[in-house]
Amino acid sequence: MNMTEQIVGNTVLLGLNGRLDANTSAGLESAFMKLVEQGHGKFVFNLQGLEYVSSAGLRSLLVAAKMIKVIQGKLALAHMNDHVKDVFEMSGFSTIFSIYETEDEAVQAIA
């Protein structure tokens, strides 16, 4: 999985590309925790390039959501493809996360 990071205003945009699975989820968790430690509290995960998410990948997103609650921050997901959206709906994760069609909508929602 490749990850891009961009800071717009006070929001961190993380773009996830490829596969979020047991081999890559630790990298996402580590990068996310580093950003939280740097004082960031608003995040949008752009999942447009995410081709696959496993249970380990879902777990890493859940870890991020729990940390957001602890720091009283905000997290939104954007640009989910149909396959990934199906995984979120079947697992019940679509009720846990705020999911938006576009990155702009997500950024505005957590502003």
Protein backbone atom coordinates (compact mmCIF):
# COMPACT_ATOMS: atom_id res chain seq x y z
CA MET A 1 0.00 0.00 0.00
CA ASN A 2 1.16 3.50 -0.78
CA MET A 3 0.11 6.39 1.39
CA THR A 4 0.14 10.08 0.57
CA GLU A 5 -0.08 12.83 3.13
CA GLN A 6 -1.17 16.40 2.60
CA ILE A 7 -2.07 19.06 5.16
CA VAL A 8 -4.78 21.52 4.14
CA GLY A 9 -5.49 24.10 6.82
CA ASN A 10 -5.81 22.10 10.02
CA THR A 11 -6.86 18.86 8.31
CA VAL A 12 -4.58 15.99 7.35
CA LEU A 13 -5.54 14.28 4.09
CA LEU A 14 -4.27 10.71 3.92
CA GLY A 15 -4.60 8.98 0.57
CA LEU A 16 -4.53 5.18 0.73
CA ASN A 17 -3.65 3.28 -2.44
CA GLY A 18 -3.40 -0.45 -3.02
CA ARG A 19 -4.20 -3.06 -0.38
CA LEU A 20 -4.84 -2.41 3.30
CA ASP A 21 -4.20 -5.81 4.85
CA ALA A 22 -2.11 -7.60 7.47
CA ASN A 23 1.09 -6.63 5.65
CA THR A 24 0.31 -2.90 5.40
CA SER A 25 -1.99 -2.03 8.30
CA ALA A 26 0.87 -1.54 10.79
CA GLY A 27 2.33 1.14 8.51
CA LEU A 28 -0.96 3.03 8.48
CA GLU A 29 -1.29 2.81 12.26
CA SER A 30 2.27 4.02 12.74
CA ALA A 31 1.91 6.96 10.36
CA PHE A 32 -1.43 7.93 11.91
CA MET A 33 -0.08 7.81 15.48
CA LYS A 34 2.93 9.90 14.47
CA LEU A 35 0.60 12.59 13.07
CA VAL A 36 -1.51 12.53 16.26
CA GLU A 37 1.66 12.89 18.36
CA GLN A 38 2.55 15.94 16.24
CA GLY A 39 -0.71 17.53 17.39
CA HIS A 40 -3.00 16.85 14.44
CA GLY A 41 -6.62 16.05 15.26
CA LYS A 42 -8.61 16.29 12.01
CA PHE A 43 -8.20 13.61 9.38
CA VAL A 44 -9.74 12.65 6.06
CA PHE A 45 -8.78 9.25 4.67
CA ASN A 46 -9.18 9.32 0.89
CA LEU A 47 -9.82 5.71 -0.12
CA GLN A 48 -10.15 6.31 -3.87
CA GLY A 49 -7.08 4.20 -4.65
CA LEU A 50 -7.78 1.50 -2.07
CA GLU A 51 -8.37 -1.72 -3.98
CA TYR A 52 -8.79 -4.11 -1.06
CA VAL A 53 -9.30 -4.00 2.69
CA SER A 54 -8.98 -7.05 4.95
CA SER A 55 -10.08 -7.56 8.54
CA ALA A 56 -6.61 -6.41 9.64
CA GLY A 57 -7.08 -3.25 7.59
CA LEU A 58 -10.48 -2.65 9.16
CA ARG A 59 -8.89 -3.10 12.56
CA SER A 60 -6.28 -0.42 11.83
CA LEU A 61 -9.05 1.99 10.82
CA LEU A 62 -10.88 1.15 14.04
CA VAL A 63 -7.71 1.91 16.01
CA ALA A 64 -7.62 5.32 14.30
CA ALA A 65 -11.29 5.94 15.15
CA LYS A 66 -10.71 5.06 18.80
CA MET A 67 -7.71 7.39 18.99
CA ILE A 68 -9.77 10.19 17.44
CA LYS A 69 -12.31 9.76 20.26
CA VAL A 70 -9.55 9.89 22.88
CA ILE A 71 -8.11 13.14 21.50
CA GLN A 72 -11.58 14.52 20.71
CA GLY A 73 -10.64 14.93 17.08
CA LYS A 74 -12.52 14.25 13.86
CA LEU A 75 -12.14 11.59 11.19
CA ALA A 76 -13.95 11.11 7.89
CA LEU A 77 -13.57 8.69 5.01
CA ALA A 78 -13.99 9.69 1.37
CA HIS A 79 -14.02 8.30 -2.19
CA MET A 80 -14.72 4.67 -1.34
CA ASN A 81 -15.01 2.34 -4.34
CA ASP A 82 -17.92 -0.11 -4.50
CA HIS A 83 -15.88 -3.14 -3.38
CA VAL A 84 -14.50 -1.41 -0.30
CA LYS A 85 -17.92 0.11 0.43
CA ASP A 86 -19.42 -3.40 0.38
CA VAL A 87 -16.85 -4.58 2.93
CA PHE A 88 -17.68 -1.64 5.19
CA GLU A 89 -21.41 -2.31 4.92
CA MET A 90 -21.13 -6.07 5.52
CA SER A 91 -18.88 -5.56 8.55
CA GLY A 92 -21.03 -2.79 10.04
CA PHE A 93 -18.17 -0.30 9.77
CA SER A 94 -20.31 2.00 7.65
CA THR A 95 -22.18 2.88 10.86
CA ILE A 96 -18.96 3.64 12.75
CA PHE A 97 -17.40 6.07 10.27
CA SER A 98 -18.59 9.23 8.56
CA ILE A 99 -18.30 8.40 4.86
CA TYR A 100 -18.48 10.99 2.07
CA GLU A 101 -18.50 10.78 -1.71
CA THR A 102 -15.72 13.35 -2.20
CA GLU A 103 -12.70 14.55 -0.28
CA ASP A 104 -14.06 18.12 -0.34
CA GLU A 105 -17.33 17.02 1.29
CA ALA A 106 -15.39 15.19 3.99
CA VAL A 107 -13.13 18.17 4.67
CA GLN A 108 -16.12 20.53 4.94
CA ALA A 109 -17.94 18.11 7.25
CA ILE A 110 -15.16 18.03 9.83
CA ALA A 111 -14.15 21.70 9.54
